[in-house]
Amino acid sequence: MNLFAIVSPSSPMVAARYTRFRELRLVVPIIENETWSFSNFTDNPLEEHAVLGTEYRSFMVAVENRYGKAAAEWVEEGAFIVRWWLDDQKKRWRYGPYHEQSL
């Protein structure tokens, strides 16, 4: 079972971690022009040298170049999970396109 932990630190981003690979952390922006971030705590425990990017495709290429294809695939899956989670939160709180809908 793939379990992700999602944290929203009250800013325009959401952080995700995967229970099988606890050393990995993905930060997904929820608005445009914010920074994507990927860290591996094994070699970067203070996140001083995270992979950063403001555009998704180039960010993915940078992750793959630095950490390999498996890490890039994890980032893609994590981004999908975060987007699903955000949409679920919008439904729960009747935000945006769900504002007028009853639950």
N, C-alpha and C. Protein backbone atom coordinates (compact mmCIF):
# COMPACT_ATOMS: atom_id res chain seq x y z
N MET A 1 0.84 -1.18 0.00
CA MET A 1 0.00 0.00 0.00
C MET A 1 0.89 1.24 0.00
N ASN A 2 0.60 2.17 -0.88
CA ASN A 2 1.37 3.40 -0.98
C ASN A 2 0.73 4.46 -0.11
N LEU A 3 1.39 4.85 0.96
CA LEU A 3 0.87 5.86 1.86
C LEU A 3 1.72 7.11 1.80
N PHE A 4 1.08 8.21 1.54
CA PHE A 4 1.76 9.49 1.53
C PHE A 4 1.30 10.29 2.73
N ALA A 5 2.20 11.04 3.31
CA ALA A 5 1.85 11.99 4.37
C ALA A 5 1.84 13.36 3.72
N ILE A 6 0.76 14.09 3.90
CA ILE A 6 0.60 15.41 3.30
C ILE A 6 0.58 16.44 4.42
N VAL A 7 1.36 17.50 4.25
CA VAL A 7 1.39 18.58 5.23
C VAL A 7 1.21 19.89 4.51
N SER A 8 0.30 20.71 4.99
CA SER A 8 0.09 22.03 4.43
C SER A 8 0.54 23.05 5.47
N PRO A 9 1.71 23.67 5.25
CA PRO A 9 2.26 24.58 6.27
C PRO A 9 1.73 26.01 6.21
N SER A 10 0.48 26.19 5.83
CA SER A 10 -0.15 27.51 5.77
C SER A 10 0.61 28.47 4.87
N SER A 11 1.00 27.98 3.74
CA SER A 11 1.66 28.80 2.74
C SER A 11 1.22 28.29 1.37
N PRO A 12 1.70 28.89 0.29
CA PRO A 12 1.23 28.44 -1.04
C PRO A 12 1.91 27.16 -1.51
N MET A 13 2.12 26.23 -0.60
CA MET A 13 2.75 24.97 -0.96
C MET A 13 2.28 23.86 -0.04
N VAL A 14 2.48 22.63 -0.50
CA VAL A 14 2.12 21.44 0.26
C VAL A 14 3.31 20.49 0.20
N ALA A 15 3.67 19.92 1.33
CA ALA A 15 4.78 18.97 1.39
C ALA A 15 4.24 17.55 1.46
N ALA A 16 4.92 16.63 0.79
CA ALA A 16 4.51 15.23 0.78
C ALA A 16 5.71 14.34 1.08
N ARG A 17 5.45 13.29 1.84
CA ARG A 17 6.47 12.26 2.11
C ARG A 17 5.81 10.91 1.92
N TYR A 18 6.60 9.94 1.56
CA TYR A 18 6.13 8.60 1.27
C TYR A 18 6.61 7.67 2.37
N THR A 19 5.74 6.87 2.92
CA THR A 19 6.10 6.05 4.07
C THR A 19 7.17 5.01 3.76
N ARG A 20 7.26 4.53 2.53
CA ARG A 20 8.29 3.55 2.20
C ARG A 20 9.66 4.17 2.02
N PHE A 21 9.69 5.45 1.68
CA PHE A 21 10.95 6.16 1.47
C PHE A 21 10.92 7.42 2.32
N ARG A 22 11.06 7.26 3.60
CA ARG A 22 10.92 8.38 4.54
C ARG A 22 11.98 9.46 4.35
N GLU A 23 13.04 9.14 3.67
CA GLU A 23 14.10 10.12 3.46
C GLU A 23 13.77 11.12 2.35
N LEU A 24 12.70 10.87 1.59
CA LEU A 24 12.33 11.75 0.48
C LEU A 24 11.24 12.73 0.88
N ARG A 25 11.35 13.95 0.37
CA ARG A 25 10.32 14.96 0.63
C ARG A 25 10.13 15.79 -0.62
N LEU A 26 8.87 15.99 -0.96
CA LEU A 26 8.49 16.77 -2.12
C LEU A 26 7.65 17.95 -1.65
N VAL A 27 7.97 19.13 -2.12
CA VAL A 27 7.16 20.32 -1.84
C VAL A 27 6.54 20.76 -3.16
N VAL A 28 5.21 20.81 -3.17
CA VAL A 28 4.46 21.14 -4.38
C VAL A 28 3.80 22.51 -4.20
N PRO A 29 4.04 23.44 -5.13
CA PRO A 29 3.37 24.73 -5.04
C PRO A 29 1.89 24.59 -5.40
N ILE A 30 1.05 25.35 -4.74
CA ILE A 30 -0.38 25.28 -5.07
C ILE A 30 -0.83 26.51 -5.84
N ILE A 31 0.08 27.44 -6.08
CA ILE A 31 -0.19 28.56 -6.96
C ILE A 31 0.98 28.67 -7.94
N GLU A 32 0.74 29.33 -9.06
CA GLU A 32 1.78 29.48 -10.07
C GLU A 32 2.93 30.34 -9.56
N ASN A 33 4.08 30.16 -10.19
CA ASN A 33 5.28 30.95 -9.91
C ASN A 33 5.85 30.72 -8.51
N GLU A 34 5.53 29.62 -7.90
CA GLU A 34 6.16 29.22 -6.65
C GLU A 34 7.11 28.07 -6.95
N THR A 35 7.92 27.71 -6.01
CA THR A 35 9.01 26.77 -6.24
C THR A 35 8.66 25.34 -5.84
N TRP A 36 8.94 24.40 -6.75
CA TRP A 36 8.91 22.98 -6.45
C TRP A 36 10.22 22.66 -5.73
N SER A 37 10.19 21.68 -4.84
CA SER A 37 11.40 21.30 -4.11
C SER A 37 11.40 19.80 -3.86
N PHE A 38 12.57 19.18 -4.05
CA PHE A 38 12.73 17.76 -3.76
C PHE A 38 13.99 17.59 -2.94
N SER A 39 13.87 16.87 -1.84
CA SER A 39 15.01 16.63 -0.96
C SER A 39 15.12 15.16 -0.62
N ASN A 40 16.36 14.73 -0.44
CA ASN A 40 16.65 13.41 0.06
C ASN A 40 17.43 13.62 1.36
N PHE A 41 16.80 13.33 2.49
CA PHE A 41 17.40 13.59 3.79
C PHE A 41 18.65 12.76 4.07
N THR A 42 18.85 11.67 3.33
CA THR A 42 20.03 10.85 3.52
C THR A 42 21.30 11.63 3.20
N ASP A 43 21.30 12.32 2.07
CA ASP A 43 22.49 13.08 1.68
C ASP A 43 22.34 14.60 1.88
N ASN A 44 21.18 15.03 2.34
CA ASN A 44 20.92 16.45 2.50
C ASN A 44 19.99 16.67 3.69
N PRO A 45 20.42 16.33 4.90
CA PRO A 45 19.52 16.34 6.06
C PRO A 45 18.94 17.70 6.42
N LEU A 46 19.61 18.77 6.07
CA LEU A 46 19.11 20.11 6.40
C LEU A 46 18.44 20.79 5.20
N GLU A 47 18.29 20.06 4.12
CA GLU A 47 17.69 20.56 2.88
C GLU A 47 18.37 21.82 2.35
N GLU A 48 19.66 21.90 2.55
CA GLU A 48 20.41 23.06 2.05
C GLU A 48 20.67 22.99 0.55
N HIS A 49 20.60 21.77 -0.01
CA HIS A 49 20.90 21.59 -1.43
C HIS A 49 19.76 20.84 -2.13
N ALA A 50 18.55 21.25 -1.86
CA ALA A 50 17.39 20.61 -2.48
C ALA A 50 17.36 20.93 -3.98
N VAL A 51 16.73 20.04 -4.74
CA VAL A 51 16.49 20.32 -6.15
C VAL A 51 15.30 21.27 -6.19
N LEU A 52 15.47 22.41 -6.85
CA LEU A 52 14.43 23.43 -6.91
C LEU A 52 14.05 23.72 -8.35
N GLY A 53 12.82 24.15 -8.55
CA GLY A 53 12.38 24.54 -9.89
C GLY A 53 11.04 25.22 -9.85
N THR A 54 10.82 26.15 -10.77
CA THR A 54 9.53 26.83 -10.84
C THR A 54 8.66 26.28 -11.96
N GLU A 55 9.24 25.45 -12.83
CA GLU A 55 8.50 24.85 -13.93
C GLU A 55 8.59 23.34 -13.79
N TYR A 56 7.45 22.66 -13.82
CA TYR A 56 7.37 21.23 -13.49
C TYR A 56 8.29 20.36 -14.34
N ARG A 57 8.26 20.52 -15.66
CA ARG A 57 9.04 19.62 -16.52
C ARG A 57 10.55 19.76 -16.28
N SER A 58 11.03 20.98 -16.19
CA SER A 58 12.47 21.15 -15.94
C SER A 58 12.84 20.68 -14.53
N PHE A 59 11.92 20.84 -13.59
CA PHE A 59 12.13 20.33 -12.23
C PHE A 59 12.28 18.81 -12.26
N MET A 60 11.41 18.14 -13.00
CA MET A 60 11.48 16.67 -13.10
C MET A 60 12.80 16.22 -13.72
N VAL A 61 13.25 16.92 -14.75
CA VAL A 61 14.52 16.59 -15.39
C VAL A 61 15.67 16.75 -14.39
N ALA A 62 15.63 17.82 -13.61
CA ALA A 62 16.68 18.07 -12.61
C ALA A 62 16.69 16.97 -11.54
N VAL A 63 15.50 16.54 -11.10
CA VAL A 63 15.43 15.46 -10.10
C VAL A 63 16.00 14.18 -10.70
N GLU A 64 15.62 13.86 -11.92
CA GLU A 64 16.11 12.63 -12.56
C GLU A 64 17.63 12.69 -12.77
N ASN A 65 18.14 13.83 -13.18
CA ASN A 65 19.59 13.97 -13.40
C ASN A 65 20.37 13.79 -12.10
N ARG A 66 19.81 14.25 -11.00
CA ARG A 66 20.53 14.19 -9.73
C ARG A 66 20.32 12.89 -8.97
N TYR A 67 19.07 12.37 -9.00
CA TYR A 67 18.74 11.21 -8.16
C TYR A 67 18.30 9.97 -8.94
N GLY A 68 18.11 10.08 -10.25
CA GLY A 68 17.74 8.92 -11.05
C GLY A 68 16.26 8.85 -11.37
N LYS A 69 15.96 7.88 -12.24
CA LYS A 69 14.60 7.72 -12.76
C LYS A 69 13.59 7.35 -11.66
N ALA A 70 13.98 6.50 -10.73
CA ALA A 70 13.06 6.08 -9.66
C ALA A 70 12.61 7.28 -8.83
N ALA A 71 13.53 8.18 -8.53
CA ALA A 71 13.17 9.38 -7.76
C ALA A 71 12.23 10.28 -8.56
N ALA A 72 12.51 10.42 -9.86
CA ALA A 72 11.64 11.25 -10.71
C ALA A 72 10.23 10.64 -10.78
N GLU A 73 10.15 9.32 -10.86
CA GLU A 73 8.83 8.67 -10.87
C GLU A 73 8.11 8.87 -9.55
N TRP A 74 8.86 8.83 -8.45
CA TRP A 74 8.25 9.10 -7.13
C TRP A 74 7.72 10.52 -7.07
N VAL A 75 8.47 11.48 -7.61
CA VAL A 75 8.02 12.88 -7.63
C VAL A 75 6.73 13.00 -8.44
N GLU A 76 6.67 12.33 -9.58
CA GLU A 76 5.47 12.38 -10.41
C GLU A 76 4.26 11.82 -9.65
N GLU A 77 4.45 10.69 -8.99
CA GLU A 77 3.37 10.09 -8.21
C GLU A 77 2.98 11.01 -7.04
N GLY A 78 3.97 11.56 -6.37
CA GLY A 78 3.69 12.48 -5.26
C GLY A 78 2.94 13.71 -5.70
N ALA A 79 3.30 14.27 -6.85
CA ALA A 79 2.60 15.45 -7.38
C ALA A 79 1.14 15.10 -7.68
N PHE A 80 0.91 13.92 -8.24
CA PHE A 80 -0.45 13.48 -8.52
C PHE A 80 -1.26 13.34 -7.23
N ILE A 81 -0.66 12.73 -6.20
CA ILE A 81 -1.35 12.55 -4.91
C ILE A 81 -1.67 13.90 -4.28
N VAL A 82 -0.73 14.83 -4.32
CA VAL A 82 -0.97 16.17 -3.74
C VAL A 82 -2.10 16.87 -4.47
N ARG A 83 -2.11 16.81 -5.80
CA ARG A 83 -3.20 17.45 -6.56
C ARG A 83 -4.54 16.82 -6.20
N TRP A 84 -4.58 15.49 -6.06
CA TRP A 84 -5.82 14.83 -5.66
C TRP A 84 -6.23 15.31 -4.26
N TRP A 85 -5.28 15.37 -3.34
CA TRP A 85 -5.56 15.79 -1.97
C TRP A 85 -6.12 17.21 -1.95
N LEU A 86 -5.51 18.10 -2.73
CA LEU A 86 -6.00 19.48 -2.78
C LEU A 86 -7.43 19.54 -3.29
N ASP A 87 -7.73 18.78 -4.33
CA ASP A 87 -9.10 18.77 -4.85
C ASP A 87 -10.06 18.21 -3.82
N ASP A 88 -9.65 17.18 -3.10
CA ASP A 88 -10.48 16.62 -2.04
C ASP A 88 -10.75 17.65 -0.94
N GLN A 89 -9.75 18.43 -0.59
CA GLN A 89 -9.93 19.47 0.43
C GLN A 89 -10.90 20.55 -0.06
N LYS A 90 -10.81 20.89 -1.34
CA LYS A 90 -11.75 21.87 -1.90
C LYS A 90 -13.18 21.36 -1.80
N LYS A 91 -13.38 20.09 -2.10
CA LYS A 91 -14.72 19.50 -1.97
C LYS A 91 -15.18 19.53 -0.52
N ARG A 92 -14.31 19.14 0.38
CA ARG A 92 -14.66 19.08 1.80
C ARG A 92 -15.08 20.44 2.34
N TRP A 93 -14.35 21.47 1.95
CA TRP A 93 -14.62 22.81 2.48
C TRP A 93 -15.45 23.68 1.54
N ARG A 94 -15.98 23.04 0.47
CA ARG A 94 -16.84 23.73 -0.50
C ARG A 94 -16.17 25.00 -1.03
N TYR A 95 -14.97 24.83 -1.51
CA TYR A 95 -14.16 25.94 -2.00
C TYR A 95 -14.09 25.90 -3.52
N GLY A 96 -13.95 27.05 -4.13
CA GLY A 96 -13.78 27.13 -5.58
C GLY A 96 -14.97 26.57 -6.32
N PRO A 97 -14.75 25.63 -7.24
CA PRO A 97 -15.86 25.10 -8.05
C PRO A 97 -16.89 24.32 -7.23
N TYR A 98 -16.57 24.01 -6.00
CA TYR A 98 -17.48 23.25 -5.14
C TYR A 98 -18.27 24.14 -4.19
N HIS A 99 -18.11 25.44 -4.32
CA HIS A 99 -18.71 26.39 -3.39
C HIS A 99 -20.22 26.24 -3.27
N GLU A 100 -20.90 26.08 -4.36
CA GLU A 100 -22.36 26.01 -4.33
C GLU A 100 -22.91 24.60 -4.17
N GLN A 101 -22.06 23.60 -4.19
CA GLN A 101 -22.52 22.23 -4.08
C GLN A 101 -22.74 21.84 -2.62
N SER A 102 -23.76 21.04 -2.41
CA SER A 102 -23.96 20.51 -1.06
C SER A 102 -23.28 19.15 -0.98
N LEU A 103 -22.84 18.81 0.20
CA LEU A 103 -22.14 17.52 0.36
C LEU A 103 -23.09 16.45 0.71
